Amino acid sequence: MKPIVYVEGLNLQIGGRWILKDINFEIYKGEVFTILGGSGSGKTTITKCLVGLLKPTSGRVEVFGNDISSLSQAGLDDVRRRIGYVFQGAALFDSLTVWENLVFYHLEHGNYKEEELKSLAIKYLKMVGLSEDHLDLYPSELSGGMKKRVGIARAIATEPELLIYDEPTSGLDPITSRLIDELILNLREKTGSTAIVVSHDLVSAFSISDRIMIIKEGQVVQIGTKEEILNSHIPFVREFIKKGLGELYEAKSG
């Protein structure tokens, strides 16, 4: 099976400093692939290379079989249309209502009537567990968890094949975080999409991931299934997991 994402020898240098060093990984259709690491480890930087926001110093980045660095702007736009990006802070437009945020792409690129757009918005709100009662609210009227859900609904409104979640549980309480985890898995089942999750939330990672990549200071330390990571003999991985899971680590590894 050909991977949806293929990264080989990815290196990135910014301002004389190496941010990413010899990154190699593949992601296959339908996977939930989580990139784990501490703050400043390069997690989000990798996703910026995937969507063409940063150009590698060297190496190859392919998405849907396209070499991202060699694409024209039009070609890059075509690839980006197949990707949904969920930003860490939801990144909703404060001056727009929930429904306007959800169908923003369609507002810009289509010729729809307001009733049609609201119907679309309701469809995607329901997919993330929200009702039409939220349509006319503004972001300032939503809780943190609701903002995350609306951000996810907006990302899936273009029906992407690949969803990138940047710290989807950041800033949320444990109960809401687990609800977001369930949502990520449910959307994978409903849409058949592939998910890349950037996170430092180990509980979330071990709940939703098919495979996990752990990075440290811009380098891959290990890639494996949950079981392979839990049973790792690499000292950094063992310490990282232990600190992140605490007593849960002892129970899982025991």
C-alpha atoms as a PDB file:
ATOM      1  CA  MET A   1       0.000   0.000   0.000  1.00  0.00           C
ATOM      2  CA  LYS A   2       1.360   3.393  -0.984  1.00  0.00           C
ATOM      3  CA  PRO A   3       1.558   5.842   1.934  1.00  0.00           C
ATOM      4  CA  ILE A   4      -0.508   9.040   1.976  1.00  0.00           C
ATOM      5  CA  VAL A   5       2.439  10.828   3.604  1.00  0.00           C
ATOM      6  CA  TYR A   6       6.055   9.932   2.881  1.00  0.00           C
ATOM      7  CA  VAL A   7       8.941  11.791   4.509  1.00  0.00           C
ATOM      8  CA  GLU A   8      12.561  10.906   3.839  1.00  0.00           C
ATOM      9  CA  GLY A   9      15.685  12.619   5.154  1.00  0.00           C
ATOM     10  CA  LEU A  10      13.830  15.793   6.137  1.00  0.00           C
ATOM     11  CA  ASN A  11      16.210  18.460   7.418  1.00  0.00           C
ATOM     12  CA  LEU A  12      15.304  22.042   8.223  1.00  0.00           C
ATOM     13  CA  GLN A  13      17.666  24.822   9.177  1.00  0.00           C
ATOM     14  CA  ILE A  14      16.395  28.248  10.234  1.00  0.00           C
ATOM     15  CA  GLY A  15      18.708  31.098  11.211  1.00  0.00           C
ATOM     16  CA  GLY A  16      21.721  28.831  11.350  1.00  0.00           C
ATOM     17  CA  ARG A  17      19.993  26.403  13.735  1.00  0.00           C
ATOM     18  CA  TRP A  18      18.909  22.893  12.782  1.00  0.00           C
ATOM     19  CA  ILE A  19      15.225  22.551  13.691  1.00  0.00           C
ATOM     20  CA  LEU A  20      14.640  19.133  12.097  1.00  0.00           C
ATOM     21  CA  LYS A  21      17.327  16.508  11.551  1.00  0.00           C
ATOM     22  CA  ASP A  22      16.955  13.501   9.260  1.00  0.00           C
ATOM     23  CA  ILE A  23      13.248  12.880   9.844  1.00  0.00           C
ATOM     24  CA  ASN A  24      11.861   9.707   8.206  1.00  0.00           C
ATOM     25  CA  PHE A  25       8.325   8.312   8.449  1.00  0.00           C
ATOM     26  CA  GLU A  26       5.308   7.117   6.459  1.00  0.00           C
ATOM     27  CA  ILE A  27       1.582   7.393   7.166  1.00  0.00           C
ATOM     28  CA  TYR A  28      -1.033   5.130   5.598  1.00  0.00           C
ATOM     29  CA  LYS A  29      -4.688   5.668   4.749  1.00  0.00           C
ATOM     30  CA  GLY A  30      -7.021   5.458   7.750  1.00  0.00           C
ATOM     31  CA  GLU A  31      -4.269   5.688  10.367  1.00  0.00           C
ATOM     32  CA  VAL A  32      -4.247   7.885  13.428  1.00  0.00           C
ATOM     33  CA  PHE A  33      -0.562   8.814  13.593  1.00  0.00           C
ATOM     34  CA  THR A  34       0.507  10.848  16.622  1.00  0.00           C
ATOM     35  CA  ILE A  35       3.655  12.946  16.848  1.00  0.00           C
ATOM     36  CA  LEU A  36       4.699  13.207  20.487  1.00  0.00           C
ATOM     37  CA  GLY A  37       7.360  15.409  22.003  1.00  0.00           C
ATOM     38  CA  GLY A  38       8.046  18.181  24.450  1.00  0.00           C
ATOM     39  CA  SER A  39       7.667  21.896  23.739  1.00  0.00           C
ATOM     40  CA  GLY A  40      10.063  23.056  21.038  1.00  0.00           C
ATOM     41  CA  SER A  41      10.855  19.536  19.867  1.00  0.00           C
ATOM     42  CA  GLY A  42       9.718  20.241  16.289  1.00  0.00           C
ATOM     43  CA  LYS A  43       6.297  18.578  16.249  1.00  0.00           C
ATOM     44  CA  THR A  44       4.316  21.402  14.640  1.00  0.00           C
ATOM     45  CA  THR A  45       7.252  22.304  12.396  1.00  0.00           C
ATOM     46  CA  ILE A  46       6.940  18.889  10.745  1.00  0.00           C
ATOM     47  CA  THR A  47       3.289  19.535   9.872  1.00  0.00           C
ATOM     48  CA  LYS A  48       4.199  22.956   8.441  1.00  0.00           C
ATOM     49  CA  CYS A  49       6.573  21.163   6.074  1.00  0.00           C
ATOM     50  CA  LEU A  50       3.786  18.752   5.117  1.00  0.00           C
ATOM     51  CA  VAL A  51       1.463  21.557   4.026  1.00  0.00           C
ATOM     52  CA  GLY A  52       4.193  23.607   2.344  1.00  0.00           C
ATOM     53  CA  LEU A  53       4.379  26.460   4.845  1.00  0.00           C
ATOM     54  CA  LEU A  54       8.064  25.691   5.381  1.00  0.00           C
ATOM     55  CA  LYS A  55      10.447  24.424   2.711  1.00  0.00           C
ATOM     56  CA  PRO A  56      12.940  21.765   3.838  1.00  0.00           C
ATOM     57  CA  THR A  57      16.649  22.522   3.678  1.00  0.00           C
ATOM     58  CA  SER A  58      17.006  19.008   2.311  1.00  0.00           C
ATOM     59  CA  GLY A  59      15.034  15.797   2.062  1.00  0.00           C
ATOM     60  CA  ARG A  60      11.756  14.737   0.486  1.00  0.00           C
ATOM     61  CA  VAL A  61       8.199  15.378   1.649  1.00  0.00           C
ATOM     62  CA  GLU A  62       5.404  13.700  -0.306  1.00  0.00           C
ATOM     63  CA  VAL A  63       1.683  14.081   0.389  1.00  0.00           C
ATOM     64  CA  PHE A  64      -0.801  12.141  -1.777  1.00  0.00           C
ATOM     65  CA  GLY A  65       2.173  11.218  -3.974  1.00  0.00           C
ATOM     66  CA  ASN A  66       3.113  14.860  -4.616  1.00  0.00           C
ATOM     67  CA  ASP A  67       6.576  16.200  -3.836  1.00  0.00           C
ATOM     68  CA  ILE A  68       5.534  19.277  -1.857  1.00  0.00           C
ATOM     69  CA  SER A  69       8.728  21.262  -2.498  1.00  0.00           C
ATOM     70  CA  SER A  70       8.457  20.985  -6.281  1.00  0.00           C
ATOM     71  CA  LEU A  71       4.785  21.968  -6.610  1.00  0.00           C
ATOM     72  CA  SER A  72       3.613  25.208  -8.166  1.00  0.00           C
ATOM     73  CA  GLN A  73       1.364  27.406  -6.045  1.00  0.00           C
ATOM     74  CA  ALA A  74      -1.662  26.026  -7.894  1.00  0.00           C
ATOM     75  CA  GLY A  75      -0.493  22.469  -7.288  1.00  0.00           C
ATOM     76  CA  LEU A  76       0.113  23.192  -3.618  1.00  0.00           C
ATOM     77  CA  ASP A  77      -3.362  24.706  -3.319  1.00  0.00           C
ATOM     78  CA  ASP A  78      -4.821  21.519  -4.805  1.00  0.00           C
ATOM     79  CA  VAL A  79      -3.050  19.405  -2.169  1.00  0.00           C
ATOM     80  CA  ARG A  80      -4.094  21.736   0.648  1.00  0.00           C
ATOM     81  CA  ARG A  81      -7.732  21.413  -0.397  1.00  0.00           C
ATOM     82  CA  ARG A  82      -7.474  17.729   0.484  1.00  0.00           C
ATOM     83  CA  ILE A  83      -6.179  18.537   3.986  1.00  0.00           C
ATOM     84  CA  GLY A  84      -8.103  19.806   7.018  1.00  0.00           C
ATOM     85  CA  TYR A  85      -6.079  21.618   9.691  1.00  0.00           C
ATOM     86  CA  VAL A  86      -7.314  21.965  13.262  1.00  0.00           C
ATOM     87  CA  PHE A  87      -5.335  24.731  14.959  1.00  0.00           C
ATOM     88  CA  GLN A  88      -4.283  24.559  18.594  1.00  0.00           C
ATOM     89  CA  GLY A  89      -6.418  27.527  19.632  1.00  0.00           C
ATOM     90  CA  ALA A  90      -9.245  26.665  17.198  1.00  0.00           C
ATOM     91  CA  ALA A  91      -8.391  29.932  15.345  1.00  0.00           C
ATOM     92  CA  LEU A  92     -12.014  30.893  14.831  1.00  0.00           C
ATOM     93  CA  PHE A  93     -12.890  34.298  13.386  1.00  0.00           C
ATOM     94  CA  ASP A  94     -14.201  36.302  16.348  1.00  0.00           C
ATOM     95  CA  SER A  95     -16.382  38.553  14.186  1.00  0.00           C
ATOM     96  CA  LEU A  96     -18.182  35.629  12.511  1.00  0.00           C
ATOM     97  CA  THR A  97     -20.893  33.405  13.947  1.00  0.00           C
ATOM     98  CA  VAL A  98     -20.397  29.671  14.332  1.00  0.00           C
ATOM     99  CA  TRP A  99     -22.130  28.873  11.047  1.00  0.00           C
ATOM    100  CA  GLU A 100     -20.160  31.528   9.179  1.00  0.00           C
ATOM    101  CA  ASN A 101     -16.927  30.115  10.592  1.00  0.00           C
ATOM    102  CA  LEU A 102     -17.912  26.604   9.551  1.00  0.00           C
ATOM    103  CA  VAL A 103     -18.699  27.425   5.934  1.00  0.00           C
ATOM    104  CA  PHE A 104     -16.064  30.125   5.485  1.00  0.00           C
ATOM    105  CA  TYR A 105     -14.407  28.219   2.625  1.00  0.00           C
ATOM    106  CA  HIS A 106     -17.735  27.856   0.826  1.00  0.00           C
ATOM    107  CA  LEU A 107     -18.496  31.536   1.365  1.00  0.00           C
ATOM    108  CA  GLU A 108     -15.221  32.419  -0.339  1.00  0.00           C
ATOM    109  CA  HIS A 109     -15.259  29.833  -3.120  1.00  0.00           C
ATOM    110  CA  GLY A 110     -18.878  29.074  -3.906  1.00  0.00           C
ATOM    111  CA  ASN A 111     -22.190  30.577  -4.882  1.00  0.00           C
ATOM    112  CA  TYR A 112     -24.549  29.292  -2.203  1.00  0.00           C
ATOM    113  CA  LYS A 113     -27.681  30.693  -0.623  1.00  0.00           C
ATOM    114  CA  GLU A 114     -27.657  31.345   3.106  1.00  0.00           C
ATOM    115  CA  GLU A 115     -30.153  28.531   3.715  1.00  0.00           C
ATOM    116  CA  GLU A 116     -27.867  26.058   1.916  1.00  0.00           C
ATOM    117  CA  LEU A 117     -24.849  27.174   3.911  1.00  0.00           C
ATOM    118  CA  LYS A 118     -26.711  26.889   7.201  1.00  0.00           C
ATOM    119  CA  SER A 119     -27.815  23.358   6.261  1.00  0.00           C
ATOM    120  CA  LEU A 120     -24.183  22.462   5.605  1.00  0.00           C
ATOM    121  CA  ALA A 121     -23.156  23.998   8.921  1.00  0.00           C
ATOM    122  CA  ILE A 122     -25.798  21.968  10.796  1.00  0.00           C
ATOM    123  CA  LYS A 123     -24.554  18.781   9.125  1.00  0.00           C
ATOM    124  CA  TYR A 124     -20.976  19.303  10.314  1.00  0.00           C
ATOM    125  CA  LEU A 125     -22.005  20.571  13.749  1.00  0.00           C
ATOM    126  CA  LYS A 126     -23.907  17.326  14.299  1.00  0.00           C
ATOM    127  CA  MET A 127     -20.825  15.345  13.291  1.00  0.00           C
ATOM    128  CA  VAL A 128     -18.909  16.901  16.199  1.00  0.00           C
ATOM    129  CA  GLY A 129     -21.747  16.521  18.690  1.00  0.00           C
ATOM    130  CA  LEU A 130     -23.168  20.058  18.594  1.00  0.00           C
ATOM    131  CA  SER A 131     -26.665  21.176  17.599  1.00  0.00           C
ATOM    132  CA  GLU A 132     -28.133  23.920  15.452  1.00  0.00           C
ATOM    133  CA  ASP A 133     -28.659  25.902  18.665  1.00  0.00           C
ATOM    134  CA  HIS A 134     -25.004  26.916  18.297  1.00  0.00           C
ATOM    135  CA  LEU A 135     -25.349  28.309  14.751  1.00  0.00           C
ATOM    136  CA  ASP A 136     -25.723  31.986  15.596  1.00  0.00           C
ATOM    137  CA  LEU A 137     -23.377  32.110  18.562  1.00  0.00           C
ATOM    138  CA  TYR A 138     -20.050  33.899  18.394  1.00  0.00           C
ATOM    139  CA  PRO A 139     -16.745  32.283  19.470  1.00  0.00           C
ATOM    140  CA  SER A 140     -16.690  34.421  22.625  1.00  0.00           C
ATOM    141  CA  GLU A 141     -19.909  32.698  23.713  1.00  0.00           C
ATOM    142  CA  LEU A 142     -18.413  29.194  23.473  1.00  0.00           C
ATOM    143  CA  SER A 143     -16.531  27.163  26.056  1.00  0.00           C
ATOM    144  CA  GLY A 144     -13.017  25.923  25.287  1.00  0.00           C
ATOM    145  CA  GLY A 145     -14.310  22.468  24.414  1.00  0.00           C
ATOM    146  CA  MET A 146     -17.000  23.875  22.131  1.00  0.00           C
ATOM    147  CA  LYS A 147     -14.436  26.041  20.316  1.00  0.00           C
ATOM    148  CA  LYS A 148     -12.339  22.931  19.676  1.00  0.00           C
ATOM    149  CA  ARG A 149     -15.374  21.123  18.288  1.00  0.00           C
ATOM    150  CA  VAL A 150     -16.280  24.027  16.007  1.00  0.00           C
ATOM    151  CA  GLY A 151     -12.657  24.182  14.859  1.00  0.00           C
ATOM    152  CA  ILE A 152     -12.816  20.479  13.991  1.00  0.00           C
ATOM    153  CA  ALA A 153     -16.182  20.931  12.251  1.00  0.00           C
ATOM    154  CA  ARG A 154     -14.698  23.707  10.121  1.00  0.00           C
ATOM    155  CA  ALA A 155     -11.747  21.472   9.213  1.00  0.00           C
ATOM    156  CA  ILE A 156     -14.016  18.639   8.039  1.00  0.00           C
ATOM    157  CA  ALA A 157     -16.404  20.967   6.176  1.00  0.00           C
ATOM    158  CA  THR A 158     -14.279  20.639   3.030  1.00  0.00           C
ATOM    159  CA  GLU A 159     -14.419  16.833   3.430  1.00  0.00           C
ATOM    160  CA  PRO A 160     -10.625  16.375   3.532  1.00  0.00           C
ATOM    161  CA  GLU A 161      -8.799  13.086   3.120  1.00  0.00           C
ATOM    162  CA  LEU A 162      -6.188  14.048   5.714  1.00  0.00           C
ATOM    163  CA  LEU A 163      -6.842  15.835   9.016  1.00  0.00           C
ATOM    164  CA  ILE A 164      -4.025  17.442  10.984  1.00  0.00           C
ATOM    165  CA  TYR A 165      -4.800  18.161  14.627  1.00  0.00           C
ATOM    166  CA  ASP A 166      -2.391  20.525  16.402  1.00  0.00           C
ATOM    167  CA  GLU A 167      -2.616  19.904  20.163  1.00  0.00           C
ATOM    168  CA  PRO A 168      -6.374  19.118  20.079  1.00  0.00           C
ATOM    169  CA  THR A 169      -6.634  18.587  23.854  1.00  0.00           C
ATOM    170  CA  SER A 170      -4.413  21.492  24.921  1.00  0.00           C
ATOM    171  CA  GLY A 171      -6.006  23.670  27.603  1.00  0.00           C
ATOM    172  CA  LEU A 172      -8.949  21.341  28.162  1.00  0.00           C
ATOM    173  CA  ASP A 173      -9.953  19.541  31.346  1.00  0.00           C
ATOM    174  CA  PRO A 174      -9.471  15.736  31.393  1.00  0.00           C
ATOM    175  CA  ILE A 175     -13.143  14.913  30.734  1.00  0.00           C
ATOM    176  CA  THR A 176     -13.396  17.253  27.734  1.00  0.00           C
ATOM    177  CA  SER A 177     -10.032  15.982  26.472  1.00  0.00           C
ATOM    178  CA  ARG A 178     -11.324  12.414  26.403  1.00  0.00           C
ATOM    179  CA  LEU A 179     -14.449  13.588  24.543  1.00  0.00           C
ATOM    180  CA  ILE A 180     -12.196  15.147  21.893  1.00  0.00           C
ATOM    181  CA  ASP A 181     -10.276  11.841  21.682  1.00  0.00           C
ATOM    182  CA  GLU A 182     -13.537   9.987  21.043  1.00  0.00           C
ATOM    183  CA  LEU A 183     -14.492  12.571  18.425  1.00  0.00           C
ATOM    184  CA  ILE A 184     -11.221  12.081  16.531  1.00  0.00           C
ATOM    185  CA  LEU A 185     -11.801   8.318  16.389  1.00  0.00           C
ATOM    186  CA  ASN A 186     -15.481   8.696  15.458  1.00  0.00           C
ATOM    187  CA  LEU A 187     -14.646  11.036  12.594  1.00  0.00           C
ATOM    188  CA  ARG A 188     -12.072   8.578  11.304  1.00  0.00           C
ATOM    189  CA  GLU A 189     -14.773   5.904  11.256  1.00  0.00           C
ATOM    190  CA  LYS A 190     -17.427   8.148   9.680  1.00  0.00           C
ATOM    191  CA  THR A 191     -15.271   9.799   7.016  1.00  0.00           C
ATOM    192  CA  GLY A 192     -12.509   7.268   6.381  1.00  0.00           C
ATOM    193  CA  SER A 193      -9.986  10.088   6.719  1.00  0.00           C
ATOM    194  CA  THR A 194      -6.408   9.800   7.928  1.00  0.00           C
ATOM    195  CA  ALA A 195      -5.332  11.765  11.005  1.00  0.00           C
ATOM    196  CA  ILE A 196      -2.043  13.269  12.125  1.00  0.00           C
ATOM    197  CA  VAL A 197      -2.209  14.383  15.742  1.00  0.00           C
ATOM    198  CA  VAL A 198       0.479  16.663  17.178  1.00  0.00           C
ATOM    199  CA  SER A 199       0.410  16.367  20.948  1.00  0.00           C
ATOM    200  CA  HIS A 200       2.197  16.283  24.269  1.00  0.00           C
ATOM    201  CA  ASP A 201      -0.830  14.588  25.903  1.00  0.00           C
ATOM    202  CA  LEU A 202       0.300  11.003  26.408  1.00  0.00           C
ATOM    203  CA  VAL A 203      -3.034   9.805  27.763  1.00  0.00           C
ATOM    204  CA  SER A 204      -4.662  11.003  24.554  1.00  0.00           C
ATOM    205  CA  ALA A 205      -1.927   9.495  22.376  1.00  0.00           C
ATOM    206  CA  PHE A 206      -2.288   6.065  23.907  1.00  0.00           C
ATOM    207  CA  SER A 207      -6.077   6.267  23.592  1.00  0.00           C
ATOM    208  CA  ILE A 208      -6.351   7.095  19.911  1.00  0.00           C
ATOM    209  CA  SER A 209      -3.154   6.248  18.042  1.00  0.00           C
ATOM    210  CA  ASP A 210      -2.417   3.405  15.667  1.00  0.00           C
ATOM    211  CA  ARG A 211       1.225   4.444  15.693  1.00  0.00           C
ATOM    212  CA  ILE A 212       3.233   7.017  17.620  1.00  0.00           C
ATOM    213  CA  MET A 213       6.379   8.919  16.661  1.00  0.00           C
ATOM    214  CA  ILE A 214       8.393  10.373  19.525  1.00  0.00           C
ATOM    215  CA  ILE A 215      10.777  13.197  18.706  1.00  0.00           C
ATOM    216  CA  LYS A 216      13.390  15.017  20.753  1.00  0.00           C
ATOM    217  CA  GLU A 217      15.208  18.175  19.671  1.00  0.00           C
ATOM    218  CA  GLY A 218      14.130  17.739  16.066  1.00  0.00           C
ATOM    219  CA  GLN A 219      15.107  14.089  15.767  1.00  0.00           C
ATOM    220  CA  VAL A 220      13.032  10.906  15.700  1.00  0.00           C
ATOM    221  CA  VAL A 221      13.697   8.765  18.758  1.00  0.00           C
ATOM    222  CA  GLN A 222      11.226   5.964  18.023  1.00  0.00           C
ATOM    223  CA  ILE A 223       8.229   5.109  15.840  1.00  0.00           C
ATOM    224  CA  GLY A 224       5.957   2.246  16.809  1.00  0.00           C
ATOM    225  CA  THR A 225       2.577   0.957  17.893  1.00  0.00           C
ATOM    226  CA  LYS A 226       1.321   1.775  21.366  1.00  0.00           C
ATOM    227  CA  GLU A 227       2.585  -1.579  22.593  1.00  0.00           C
ATOM    228  CA  GLU A 228       6.018  -1.072  21.046  1.00  0.00           C
ATOM    229  CA  ILE A 229       6.350   2.364  22.633  1.00  0.00           C
ATOM    230  CA  LEU A 230       5.193   1.137  26.029  1.00  0.00           C
ATOM    231  CA  ASN A 231       7.721  -1.695  25.920  1.00  0.00           C
ATOM    232  CA  SER A 232      10.550   0.431  24.546  1.00  0.00           C
ATOM    233  CA  HIS A 233      14.074  -0.172  25.820  1.00  0.00           C
ATOM    234  CA  ILE A 234      15.204   3.320  24.777  1.00  0.00           C
ATOM    235  CA  PRO A 235      15.974   5.242  28.012  1.00  0.00           C
ATOM    236  CA  PHE A 236      14.573   8.585  26.770  1.00  0.00           C
ATOM    237  CA  VAL A 237      11.320   6.981  25.625  1.00  0.00           C
ATOM    238  CA  ARG A 238      10.873   5.097  28.904  1.00  0.00           C
ATOM    239  CA  GLU A 239      11.457   8.261  30.928  1.00  0.00           C
ATOM    240  CA  PHE A 240       9.234  10.371  28.648  1.00  0.00           C
ATOM    241  CA  ILE A 241       6.359   7.901  28.896  1.00  0.00           C
ATOM    242  CA  LYS A 242       6.782   7.466  32.623  1.00  0.00           C
ATOM    243  CA  LYS A 243       6.604  11.218  33.240  1.00  0.00           C
ATOM    244  CA  GLY A 244       3.617  11.607  30.947  1.00  0.00           C
ATOM    245  CA  LEU A 245       1.551   8.669  32.187  1.00  0.00           C
ATOM    246  CA  GLY A 246       2.698   8.382  35.808  1.00  0.00           C
ATOM    247  CA  GLU A 247       0.884   5.564  37.560  1.00  0.00           C
ATOM    248  CA  LEU A 248      -0.857   4.638  34.317  1.00  0.00           C
ATOM    249  CA  TYR A 249       2.573   3.774  32.874  1.00  0.00           C
ATOM    250  CA  GLU A 250       3.296   1.388  35.718  1.00  0.00           C
ATOM    251  CA  ALA A 251      -0.072  -0.294  35.177  1.00  0.00           C
ATOM    252  CA  LYS A 252       0.254  -0.515  31.387  1.00  0.00           C
ATOM    253  CA  SER A 253       3.879  -1.671  31.360  1.00  0.00           C
ATOM    254  CA  GLY A 254       3.396  -3.975  34.311  1.00  0.00           C
END
